[in-house]
Amino acid sequence: MSVKDRVRVHENRLLSDNWYVLKTTTFDWKRRDGTWQTQSREVYDRGNGAVLLPYDLARRTVLLVRQFRYPAFVNGHDDLLIEAAAGLLDDAEPEVRIRAEVEEELGYRLGAVSKVFEAFMSPGSVTEILHFFVAEYDAAMRIGDGGGHPDEGEDIEVLELAIDEALAMVVDGRIRDAKTIMLLQHAALNLFKAR
């Protein structure tokens, strides 16, 4: 039986479309025992996104960004967040969008880009699927300072870190962003293998 056969939607009610779309939905779910249960959930639809970790194997470095994130601040994080470059797709293909984000945020025009996986980031309430990429970089690929678009509220600092330092920052809590942690772990397991 398909999941579609186990869901009957009764009502979708729009709560907000100020920044993205927040709806509350009432639906019936057919449980494993065959009984139907009425449930209600709020769903935040912000679109899908892409994220990329640039890495330099020879120098054992990665490029990250540091920026203010209001939701993290509201939840007690009194610091800027360190993250991999990312952005919403806005109807673009994931690779096309992430290349543009890397140029805007990091100031690099990359060569070959590799998709490593995709994942739901908070499937209990957010619809977003994030497409994860990695790409090699070097100094010759730098085309600008990065920093994002100030007119979009972006105030981004570019960081170049040794992979070992970035992994230590995950352990001690200086890097707390899930998408970044996932890409750093991927890099540690698959790209920066012990020599």
N, C-alpha and C. Protein backbone atom coordinates (compact mmCIF):
# COMPACT_ATOMS: atom_id res chain seq x y z
N MET A 1 0.84 -1.19 0.00
CA MET A 1 0.00 0.00 0.00
C MET A 1 0.88 1.24 0.00
N SER A 2 0.57 2.16 -0.86
CA SER A 2 1.29 3.42 -0.96
C SER A 2 0.93 4.32 0.23
N VAL A 3 1.85 5.20 0.61
CA VAL A 3 1.56 6.17 1.67
C VAL A 3 0.37 7.05 1.26
N LYS A 4 0.27 7.36 -0.04
CA LYS A 4 -0.86 8.17 -0.52
C LYS A 4 -2.20 7.54 -0.15
N ASP A 5 -2.25 6.19 -0.10
CA ASP A 5 -3.48 5.49 0.26
C ASP A 5 -3.76 5.54 1.76
N ARG A 6 -2.79 6.02 2.53
CA ARG A 6 -2.95 6.06 3.99
C ARG A 6 -3.21 7.46 4.53
N VAL A 7 -3.33 8.45 3.64
CA VAL A 7 -3.54 9.85 4.05
C VAL A 7 -4.80 10.39 3.38
N ARG A 8 -5.69 10.98 4.18
CA ARG A 8 -6.87 11.68 3.66
C ARG A 8 -6.87 13.08 4.26
N VAL A 9 -6.60 14.08 3.43
CA VAL A 9 -6.53 15.47 3.89
C VAL A 9 -7.94 16.05 3.96
N HIS A 10 -8.27 16.66 5.11
CA HIS A 10 -9.58 17.29 5.30
C HIS A 10 -9.51 18.79 5.06
N GLU A 11 -8.46 19.44 5.59
CA GLU A 11 -8.40 20.90 5.52
C GLU A 11 -6.95 21.37 5.53
N ASN A 12 -6.64 22.32 4.65
CA ASN A 12 -5.38 23.05 4.66
C ASN A 12 -5.74 24.50 4.94
N ARG A 13 -5.20 25.07 6.00
CA ARG A 13 -5.51 26.46 6.32
C ARG A 13 -4.21 27.26 6.34
N LEU A 14 -4.17 28.35 5.57
CA LEU A 14 -3.01 29.22 5.50
C LEU A 14 -2.89 30.03 6.79
N LEU A 15 -1.73 29.95 7.43
CA LEU A 15 -1.47 30.73 8.65
C LEU A 15 -0.63 31.97 8.34
N SER A 16 0.31 31.82 7.38
CA SER A 16 1.18 32.94 7.04
C SER A 16 1.82 32.69 5.69
N ASP A 17 1.97 33.76 4.93
CA ASP A 17 2.78 33.70 3.71
C ASP A 17 3.64 34.96 3.63
N ASN A 18 4.08 35.41 4.81
CA ASN A 18 4.88 36.62 4.92
C ASN A 18 6.28 36.41 4.37
N TRP A 19 6.99 35.39 4.85
CA TRP A 19 8.35 35.11 4.41
C TRP A 19 8.31 33.90 3.48
N TYR A 20 7.78 32.79 3.98
CA TYR A 20 7.46 31.60 3.19
C TYR A 20 6.06 31.19 3.58
N VAL A 21 5.65 29.96 3.34
CA VAL A 21 4.26 29.56 3.55
C VAL A 21 4.14 28.64 4.76
N LEU A 22 3.31 29.04 5.72
CA LEU A 22 3.01 28.23 6.89
C LEU A 22 1.53 27.88 6.85
N LYS A 23 1.25 26.56 6.87
CA LYS A 23 -0.13 26.08 6.84
C LYS A 23 -0.35 25.13 8.00
N THR A 24 -1.62 25.01 8.40
CA THR A 24 -2.01 23.96 9.32
C THR A 24 -2.93 23.02 8.55
N THR A 25 -2.71 21.73 8.70
CA THR A 25 -3.45 20.73 7.95
C THR A 25 -4.07 19.73 8.91
N THR A 26 -5.34 19.41 8.68
CA THR A 26 -6.02 18.34 9.40
C THR A 26 -6.19 17.19 8.42
N PHE A 27 -5.79 16.00 8.83
CA PHE A 27 -5.83 14.83 7.95
C PHE A 27 -6.07 13.57 8.76
N ASP A 28 -6.49 12.52 8.07
CA ASP A 28 -6.59 11.20 8.67
C ASP A 28 -5.40 10.37 8.23
N TRP A 29 -4.84 9.60 9.17
CA TRP A 29 -3.72 8.70 8.89
C TRP A 29 -4.17 7.27 9.18
N LYS A 30 -3.99 6.39 8.19
CA LYS A 30 -4.34 4.99 8.39
C LYS A 30 -3.18 4.29 9.06
N ARG A 31 -3.40 3.90 10.30
CA ARG A 31 -2.35 3.27 11.11
C ARG A 31 -2.06 1.85 10.62
N ARG A 32 -0.97 1.27 11.10
CA ARG A 32 -0.58 -0.08 10.70
C ARG A 32 -1.65 -1.12 11.02
N ASP A 33 -2.43 -0.86 12.08
CA ASP A 33 -3.48 -1.83 12.45
C ASP A 33 -4.76 -1.65 11.63
N GLY A 34 -4.76 -0.69 10.68
CA GLY A 34 -5.91 -0.48 9.80
C GLY A 34 -6.89 0.58 10.26
N THR A 35 -6.73 1.08 11.48
CA THR A 35 -7.65 2.12 11.97
C THR A 35 -7.19 3.49 11.47
N TRP A 36 -8.16 4.40 11.35
CA TRP A 36 -7.87 5.77 10.91
C TRP A 36 -7.79 6.67 12.12
N GLN A 37 -6.80 7.56 12.14
CA GLN A 37 -6.61 8.51 13.24
C GLN A 37 -6.53 9.91 12.67
N THR A 38 -7.33 10.84 13.22
CA THR A 38 -7.29 12.23 12.78
C THR A 38 -6.14 12.93 13.47
N GLN A 39 -5.33 13.66 12.67
CA GLN A 39 -4.19 14.40 13.19
C GLN A 39 -4.19 15.81 12.61
N SER A 40 -3.45 16.69 13.26
CA SER A 40 -3.30 18.05 12.78
C SER A 40 -1.82 18.43 12.89
N ARG A 41 -1.28 19.04 11.82
CA ARG A 41 0.13 19.43 11.80
C ARG A 41 0.28 20.80 11.15
N GLU A 42 1.27 21.55 11.63
CA GLU A 42 1.67 22.77 10.96
C GLU A 42 2.86 22.43 10.08
N VAL A 43 2.84 22.96 8.85
CA VAL A 43 3.88 22.65 7.86
C VAL A 43 4.41 23.96 7.31
N TYR A 44 5.73 24.10 7.36
CA TYR A 44 6.41 25.30 6.85
C TYR A 44 7.04 24.94 5.52
N ASP A 45 6.61 25.61 4.45
CA ASP A 45 7.14 25.36 3.11
C ASP A 45 8.01 26.54 2.71
N ARG A 46 9.32 26.32 2.72
CA ARG A 46 10.26 27.38 2.36
C ARG A 46 10.98 27.05 1.06
N GLY A 47 10.54 25.99 0.38
CA GLY A 47 11.20 25.56 -0.84
C GLY A 47 12.38 24.65 -0.52
N ASN A 48 13.03 24.16 -1.55
CA ASN A 48 14.18 23.29 -1.40
C ASN A 48 15.47 24.09 -1.56
N GLY A 49 16.57 23.52 -1.10
CA GLY A 49 17.83 24.26 -1.14
C GLY A 49 19.00 23.39 -1.54
N ALA A 50 20.16 24.03 -1.57
CA ALA A 50 21.42 23.35 -1.89
C ALA A 50 22.52 23.91 -0.99
N VAL A 51 23.49 23.07 -0.70
CA VAL A 51 24.61 23.45 0.16
C VAL A 51 25.88 22.82 -0.41
N LEU A 52 27.02 23.51 -0.27
CA LEU A 52 28.27 23.01 -0.84
C LEU A 52 29.44 23.29 0.09
N LEU A 53 30.32 22.31 0.20
CA LEU A 53 31.56 22.45 0.96
C LEU A 53 32.73 22.44 -0.02
N PRO A 54 33.39 23.59 -0.23
CA PRO A 54 34.62 23.60 -1.03
C PRO A 54 35.78 23.08 -0.18
N TYR A 55 36.66 22.27 -0.80
CA TYR A 55 37.78 21.69 -0.07
C TYR A 55 39.05 21.73 -0.92
N ASP A 56 40.17 21.83 -0.25
CA ASP A 56 41.49 21.80 -0.89
C ASP A 56 42.26 20.64 -0.25
N LEU A 57 42.40 19.55 -0.98
CA LEU A 57 43.05 18.36 -0.44
C LEU A 57 44.52 18.60 -0.11
N ALA A 58 45.23 19.31 -0.98
CA ALA A 58 46.66 19.52 -0.78
C ALA A 58 46.92 20.32 0.49
N ARG A 59 46.12 21.34 0.73
CA ARG A 59 46.31 22.19 1.91
C ARG A 59 45.47 21.73 3.10
N ARG A 60 44.58 20.74 2.88
CA ARG A 60 43.69 20.20 3.92
C ARG A 60 42.82 21.30 4.54
N THR A 61 42.21 22.11 3.66
CA THR A 61 41.37 23.21 4.11
C THR A 61 39.97 23.12 3.51
N VAL A 62 39.04 23.84 4.14
CA VAL A 62 37.67 23.98 3.64
C VAL A 62 37.29 25.45 3.75
N LEU A 63 36.30 25.84 2.95
CA LEU A 63 35.76 27.20 3.02
C LEU A 63 34.37 27.17 3.65
N LEU A 64 34.17 28.02 4.64
CA LEU A 64 32.88 28.15 5.32
C LEU A 64 32.53 29.62 5.42
N VAL A 65 31.33 29.91 5.89
CA VAL A 65 30.89 31.28 6.11
C VAL A 65 30.46 31.45 7.56
N ARG A 66 30.50 32.70 8.02
CA ARG A 66 30.01 33.02 9.36
C ARG A 66 29.00 34.15 9.19
N GLN A 67 27.80 33.95 9.79
CA GLN A 67 26.75 34.95 9.63
C GLN A 67 25.75 34.89 10.78
N PHE A 68 24.95 35.95 10.91
CA PHE A 68 23.91 36.03 11.92
C PHE A 68 22.68 35.27 11.45
N ARG A 69 22.11 34.46 12.35
CA ARG A 69 20.87 33.74 12.08
C ARG A 69 19.90 34.02 13.22
N TYR A 70 18.87 34.80 12.93
CA TYR A 70 17.93 35.20 13.97
C TYR A 70 17.25 34.02 14.68
N PRO A 71 16.75 32.99 13.98
CA PRO A 71 16.13 31.88 14.71
C PRO A 71 17.08 31.21 15.71
N ALA A 72 18.36 31.08 15.37
CA ALA A 72 19.33 30.50 16.32
C ALA A 72 19.52 31.43 17.51
N PHE A 73 19.54 32.73 17.25
CA PHE A 73 19.68 33.72 18.33
C PHE A 73 18.50 33.63 19.29
N VAL A 74 17.29 33.54 18.74
CA VAL A 74 16.09 33.44 19.57
C VAL A 74 16.13 32.20 20.45
N ASN A 75 16.79 31.14 19.96
CA ASN A 75 16.87 29.89 20.72
C ASN A 75 18.12 29.83 21.61
N GLY A 76 18.72 30.99 21.90
CA GLY A 76 19.79 31.06 22.87
C GLY A 76 21.20 31.04 22.33
N HIS A 77 21.37 31.01 21.01
CA HIS A 77 22.73 31.00 20.44
C HIS A 77 23.20 32.45 20.29
N ASP A 78 24.03 32.91 21.23
CA ASP A 78 24.48 34.30 21.25
C ASP A 78 25.81 34.46 20.53
N ASP A 79 25.83 34.04 19.26
CA ASP A 79 27.03 34.13 18.44
C ASP A 79 26.60 34.03 16.99
N LEU A 80 27.53 34.28 16.08
CA LEU A 80 27.25 34.07 14.67
C LEU A 80 27.38 32.57 14.38
N LEU A 81 26.66 32.09 13.37
CA LEU A 81 26.74 30.68 13.01
C LEU A 81 27.78 30.48 11.92
N ILE A 82 28.53 29.39 12.04
CA ILE A 82 29.49 29.00 11.02
C ILE A 82 28.82 27.91 10.20
N GLU A 83 28.77 28.13 8.88
CA GLU A 83 28.02 27.25 7.99
C GLU A 83 28.73 27.04 6.68
N ALA A 84 28.31 26.02 5.95
CA ALA A 84 28.70 25.85 4.55
C ALA A 84 27.83 26.78 3.72
N ALA A 85 28.33 27.21 2.57
CA ALA A 85 27.57 28.08 1.68
C ALA A 85 26.31 27.35 1.22
N ALA A 86 25.17 28.06 1.27
CA ALA A 86 23.89 27.42 0.94
C ALA A 86 22.89 28.46 0.46
N GLY A 87 21.83 27.97 -0.15
CA GLY A 87 20.77 28.85 -0.58
C GLY A 87 19.57 28.07 -1.08
N LEU A 88 18.44 28.76 -1.19
CA LEU A 88 17.23 28.15 -1.72
C LEU A 88 17.32 28.06 -3.23
N LEU A 89 16.66 27.08 -3.80
CA LEU A 89 16.75 26.84 -5.24
C LEU A 89 16.04 27.91 -6.07
N ASP A 90 14.92 28.41 -5.58
CA ASP A 90 14.16 29.43 -6.34
C ASP A 90 13.96 29.00 -7.78
N ASP A 91 13.47 27.78 -8.00
CA ASP A 91 13.16 27.22 -9.32
C ASP A 91 14.37 26.92 -10.19
N ALA A 92 15.58 27.05 -9.67
CA ALA A 92 16.79 26.70 -10.43
C ALA A 92 17.16 25.24 -10.13
N GLU A 93 17.95 24.65 -10.99
CA GLU A 93 18.49 23.32 -10.73
C GLU A 93 19.47 23.44 -9.56
N PRO A 94 19.56 22.40 -8.70
CA PRO A 94 20.43 22.49 -7.53
C PRO A 94 21.88 22.88 -7.83
N GLU A 95 22.50 22.27 -8.85
CA GLU A 95 23.90 22.60 -9.14
C GLU A 95 24.06 24.04 -9.62
N VAL A 96 23.13 24.49 -10.44
CA VAL A 96 23.19 25.86 -10.94
C VAL A 96 23.06 26.84 -9.77
N ARG A 97 22.12 26.58 -8.89
CA ARG A 97 21.87 27.48 -7.75
C ARG A 97 23.06 27.51 -6.80
N ILE A 98 23.64 26.33 -6.50
CA ILE A 98 24.72 26.32 -5.52
C ILE A 98 25.97 26.98 -6.09
N ARG A 99 26.21 26.88 -7.37
CA ARG A 99 27.34 27.58 -7.97
C ARG A 99 27.18 29.09 -7.80
N ALA A 100 25.97 29.59 -8.02
CA ALA A 100 25.71 31.03 -7.84
C ALA A 100 25.88 31.44 -6.39
N GLU A 101 25.40 30.61 -5.46
CA GLU A 101 25.54 30.92 -4.03
C GLU A 101 27.00 30.97 -3.62
N VAL A 102 27.81 30.05 -4.11
CA VAL A 102 29.24 30.03 -3.76
C VAL A 102 29.92 31.30 -4.27
N GLU A 103 29.56 31.74 -5.47
CA GLU A 103 30.13 32.99 -5.99
C GLU A 103 29.70 34.18 -5.14
N GLU A 104 28.42 34.23 -4.76
CA GLU A 104 27.91 35.35 -3.97
C GLU A 104 28.48 35.35 -2.54
N GLU A 105 28.48 34.19 -1.90
CA GLU A 105 28.85 34.12 -0.49
C GLU A 105 30.36 34.00 -0.27
N LEU A 106 31.03 33.19 -1.10
CA LEU A 106 32.45 32.91 -0.89
C LEU A 106 33.37 33.66 -1.85
N GLY A 107 32.85 34.06 -3.01
CA GLY A 107 33.69 34.74 -4.00
C GLY A 107 34.53 33.81 -4.84
N TYR A 108 34.10 32.56 -5.03
CA TYR A 108 34.83 31.58 -5.82
C TYR A 108 33.97 31.07 -6.97
N ARG A 109 34.57 30.91 -8.14
CA ARG A 109 33.93 30.25 -9.29
C ARG A 109 34.55 28.86 -9.38
N LEU A 110 33.76 27.85 -9.08
CA LEU A 110 34.26 26.49 -8.97
C LEU A 110 34.31 25.77 -10.30
N GLY A 111 35.14 24.73 -10.35
CA GLY A 111 35.19 23.83 -11.50
C GLY A 111 34.15 22.74 -11.30
N ALA A 112 34.60 21.49 -11.28
CA ALA A 112 33.70 20.35 -11.13
C ALA A 112 33.04 20.36 -9.75
N VAL A 113 31.75 20.09 -9.75
CA VAL A 113 30.95 20.03 -8.52
C VAL A 113 30.35 18.63 -8.44
N SER A 114 30.41 18.01 -7.26
CA SER A 114 29.87 16.65 -7.09
C SER A 114 28.74 16.65 -6.08
N LYS A 115 27.60 16.10 -6.47
CA LYS A 115 26.50 15.92 -5.53
C LYS A 115 26.77 14.66 -4.73
N VAL A 116 26.64 14.75 -3.40
CA VAL A 116 26.95 13.59 -2.56
C VAL A 116 25.70 12.94 -1.99
N PHE A 117 24.65 13.70 -1.71
CA PHE A 117 23.38 13.13 -1.24
C PHE A 117 22.37 14.26 -1.12
N GLU A 118 21.14 13.90 -0.75
CA GLU A 118 20.12 14.90 -0.41
C GLU A 118 19.39 14.40 0.82
N ALA A 119 18.82 15.34 1.59
CA ALA A 119 18.19 14.96 2.84
C ALA A 119 17.10 15.96 3.23
N PHE A 120 16.07 15.46 3.92
CA PHE A 120 15.12 16.32 4.59
C PHE A 120 15.81 16.83 5.85
N MET A 121 15.73 18.13 6.12
CA MET A 121 16.48 18.70 7.24
C MET A 121 15.68 18.73 8.55
N SER A 122 14.37 18.85 8.48
CA SER A 122 13.54 18.84 9.67
C SER A 122 12.15 18.34 9.28
N PRO A 123 12.03 17.04 8.92
CA PRO A 123 10.82 16.53 8.30
C PRO A 123 9.57 16.53 9.19
N GLY A 124 9.72 16.81 10.46
CA GLY A 124 8.55 16.90 11.34
C GLY A 124 7.72 18.15 11.11
N SER A 125 8.33 19.18 10.49
CA SER A 125 7.57 20.42 10.31
C SER A 125 7.94 21.23 9.07
N VAL A 126 9.09 20.93 8.44
CA VAL A 126 9.56 21.72 7.30
C VAL A 126 9.63 20.82 6.07
N THR A 127 9.14 21.32 4.92
CA THR A 127 9.11 20.52 3.69
C THR A 127 10.46 20.42 2.99
N GLU A 128 11.41 21.25 3.30
CA GLU A 128 12.66 21.41 2.57
C GLU A 128 13.47 20.12 2.40
N ILE A 129 13.88 19.88 1.15
CA ILE A 129 14.91 18.89 0.83
C ILE A 129 16.16 19.69 0.49
N LEU A 130 17.29 19.32 1.07
CA LEU A 130 18.55 19.99 0.82
C LEU A 130 19.44 19.08 -0.01
N HIS A 131 20.00 19.63 -1.09
CA HIS A 131 20.91 18.91 -1.98
C HIS A 131 22.34 19.26 -1.55
N PHE A 132 23.13 18.24 -1.22
CA PHE A 132 24.47 18.42 -0.67
C PHE A 132 25.54 18.19 -1.75
N PHE A 133 26.48 19.15 -1.85
CA PHE A 133 27.53 19.10 -2.84
C PHE A 133 28.89 19.33 -2.19
N VAL A 134 29.94 18.85 -2.88
CA VAL A 134 31.33 19.18 -2.54
C VAL A 134 32.04 19.55 -3.83
N ALA A 135 33.11 20.33 -3.71
CA ALA A 135 33.91 20.70 -4.88
C ALA A 135 35.29 21.12 -4.42
N GLU A 136 36.29 20.78 -5.22
CA GLU A 136 37.64 21.25 -4.93
C GLU A 136 37.75 22.73 -5.29
N TYR A 137 38.59 23.43 -4.55
CA TYR A 137 38.85 24.84 -4.85
C TYR A 137 40.35 25.10 -4.73
N ASP A 138 40.77 26.20 -5.35
CA ASP A 138 42.13 26.70 -5.16
C ASP A 138 42.10 28.21 -5.34
N ALA A 139 43.20 28.85 -5.04
CA ALA A 139 43.27 30.32 -5.06
C ALA A 139 42.94 30.91 -6.43
N ALA A 140 43.23 30.19 -7.50
CA ALA A 140 42.98 30.70 -8.85
C ALA A 140 41.49 30.83 -9.15
N MET A 141 40.65 30.18 -8.38
CA MET A 141 39.20 30.22 -8.60
C MET A 141 38.54 31.43 -7.94
N ARG A 142 39.31 32.17 -7.17
CA ARG A 142 38.74 33.32 -6.47
C ARG A 142 38.47 34.46 -7.46
N ILE A 143 37.22 34.94 -7.48
CA ILE A 143 36.81 36.01 -8.39
C ILE A 143 36.31 37.25 -7.66
N GLY A 144 36.23 37.18 -6.33
CA GLY A 144 35.75 38.32 -5.57
C GLY A 144 35.89 38.07 -4.08
N ASP A 145 35.34 39.00 -3.29
CA ASP A 145 35.45 38.90 -1.84
C ASP A 145 34.35 38.07 -1.20
N GLY A 146 33.27 37.77 -1.95
CA GLY A 146 32.13 37.08 -1.33
C GLY A 146 31.38 38.03 -0.42
N GLY A 147 30.72 37.49 0.57
CA GLY A 147 30.00 38.31 1.55
C GLY A 147 28.51 38.38 1.35
N GLY A 148 28.00 37.86 0.23
CA GLY A 148 26.56 37.85 0.00
C GLY A 148 26.05 39.17 -0.52
N HIS A 149 24.73 39.34 -0.48
CA HIS A 149 24.06 40.54 -0.98
C HIS A 149 23.54 41.37 0.20
N PRO A 150 24.15 42.52 0.48
CA PRO A 150 23.68 43.35 1.59
C PRO A 150 22.21 43.75 1.46
N ASP A 151 21.72 43.94 0.23
CA ASP A 151 20.33 44.33 0.03
C ASP A 151 19.36 43.20 0.39
N GLU A 152 19.87 41.97 0.54
CA GLU A 152 19.06 40.84 1.00
C GLU A 152 19.31 40.55 2.48
N GLY A 153 19.99 41.47 3.15
CA GLY A 153 20.26 41.31 4.57
C GLY A 153 21.46 40.45 4.88
N GLU A 154 22.23 40.08 3.86
CA GLU A 154 23.39 39.22 4.09
C GLU A 154 24.61 40.03 4.50
N ASP A 155 25.29 39.56 5.52
CA ASP A 155 26.53 40.15 6.03
C ASP A 155 27.44 38.98 6.39
N ILE A 156 28.06 38.41 5.36
CA ILE A 156 28.72 37.11 5.46
C ILE A 156 30.24 37.28 5.49
N GLU A 157 30.86 36.61 6.45
CA GLU A 157 32.32 36.56 6.55
C GLU A 157 32.79 35.21 6.01
N VAL A 158 33.80 35.22 5.16
CA VAL A 158 34.36 34.00 4.58
C VAL A 158 35.46 33.48 5.50
N LEU A 159 35.41 32.18 5.78
CA LEU A 159 36.42 31.53 6.63
C LEU A 159 37.11 30.42 5.85
N GLU A 160 38.43 30.37 5.92
CA GLU A 160 39.17 29.23 5.41
C GLU A 160 39.77 28.54 6.63
N LEU A 161 39.38 27.27 6.82
CA LEU A 161 39.81 26.53 8.01
C LEU A 161 40.46 25.22 7.61
N ALA A 162 41.42 24.78 8.40
CA ALA A 162 41.94 23.43 8.24
C ALA A 162 40.82 22.45 8.57
N ILE A 163 40.74 21.35 7.84
CA ILE A 163 39.68 20.38 8.09
C ILE A 163 39.71 19.88 9.53
N ASP A 164 40.89 19.67 10.09
CA ASP A 164 40.99 19.20 11.48
C ASP A 164 40.45 20.24 12.46
N GLU A 165 40.71 21.51 12.19
CA GLU A 165 40.16 22.57 13.04
C GLU A 165 38.64 22.62 12.93
N ALA A 166 38.12 22.51 11.70
CA ALA A 166 36.67 22.54 11.52
C ALA A 166 36.01 21.38 12.25
N LEU A 167 36.59 20.19 12.18
CA LEU A 167 36.03 19.04 12.89
C LEU A 167 36.11 19.23 14.40
N ALA A 168 37.18 19.83 14.90
CA ALA A 168 37.29 20.12 16.33
C ALA A 168 36.23 21.14 16.75
N MET A 169 35.88 22.05 15.86
CA MET A 169 34.86 23.06 16.16
C MET A 169 33.47 22.43 16.25
N VAL A 170 33.25 21.32 15.55
CA VAL A 170 32.00 20.58 15.69
C VAL A 170 31.95 19.97 17.09
N VAL A 171 33.04 19.35 17.50
CA VAL A 171 33.10 18.67 18.80
C VAL A 171 32.91 19.66 19.95
N ASP A 172 33.55 20.84 19.86
CA ASP A 172 33.45 21.78 20.99
C ASP A 172 32.26 22.74 20.88
N GLY A 173 31.45 22.59 19.84
CA GLY A 173 30.22 23.37 19.75
C GLY A 173 30.32 24.69 19.01
N ARG A 174 31.47 25.03 18.48
CA ARG A 174 31.56 26.28 17.72
C ARG A 174 30.87 26.16 16.37
N ILE A 175 30.80 24.97 15.81
CA ILE A 175 30.00 24.71 14.61
C ILE A 175 28.81 23.88 15.05
N ARG A 176 27.59 24.46 14.87
CA ARG A 176 26.38 23.81 15.36
C ARG A 176 25.32 23.66 14.28
N ASP A 177 25.67 23.97 13.06
CA ASP A 177 24.73 23.90 11.94
C ASP A 177 24.73 22.49 11.35
N ALA A 178 23.55 21.87 11.28
CA ALA A 178 23.45 20.46 10.88
C ALA A 178 23.99 20.20 9.47
N LYS A 179 23.63 21.04 8.50
CA LYS A 179 24.07 20.78 7.13
C LYS A 179 25.60 20.85 7.02
N THR A 180 26.20 21.74 7.78
CA THR A 180 27.65 21.89 7.78
C THR A 180 28.31 20.69 8.44
N ILE A 181 27.76 20.26 9.55
CA ILE A 181 28.30 19.08 10.24
C ILE A 181 28.22 17.87 9.33
N MET A 182 27.12 17.71 8.61
CA MET A 182 26.97 16.57 7.71
C MET A 182 28.04 16.59 6.61
N LEU A 183 28.28 17.77 6.03
CA LEU A 183 29.29 17.86 4.97
C LEU A 183 30.71 17.69 5.52
N LEU A 184 30.99 18.23 6.70
CA LEU A 184 32.32 18.03 7.28
C LEU A 184 32.57 16.56 7.60
N GLN A 185 31.56 15.87 8.10
CA GLN A 185 31.71 14.43 8.37
C GLN A 185 31.92 13.66 7.06
N HIS A 186 31.18 14.03 6.03
CA HIS A 186 31.38 13.41 4.71
C HIS A 186 32.82 13.62 4.24
N ALA A 187 33.30 14.85 4.38
CA ALA A 187 34.67 15.17 3.94
C ALA A 187 35.69 14.36 4.73
N ALA A 188 35.49 14.25 6.04
CA ALA A 188 36.43 13.50 6.87
C ALA A 188 36.45 12.01 6.49
N LEU A 189 35.29 11.46 6.19
CA LEU A 189 35.20 10.04 5.88
C LEU A 189 35.60 9.70 4.45
N ASN A 190 35.38 10.62 3.51
CA ASN A 190 35.52 10.28 2.11
C ASN A 190 36.57 11.09 1.34
N LEU A 191 36.91 12.26 1.81
CA LEU A 191 37.83 13.12 1.05
C LEU A 191 39.20 13.26 1.70
N PHE A 192 39.20 13.56 3.00
CA PHE A 192 40.46 13.80 3.73
C PHE A 192 40.87 12.55 4.52
N LYS A 193 40.97 11.45 3.85
CA LYS A 193 41.34 10.22 4.52
C LYS A 193 42.76 10.33 5.04
N ALA A 194 43.03 9.66 6.15
CA ALA A 194 44.36 9.70 6.76
C ALA A 194 45.42 9.27 5.75
N ARG A 195 46.49 10.01 5.75
CA ARG A 195 47.58 9.71 4.81
C ARG A 195 48.72 9.02 5.49
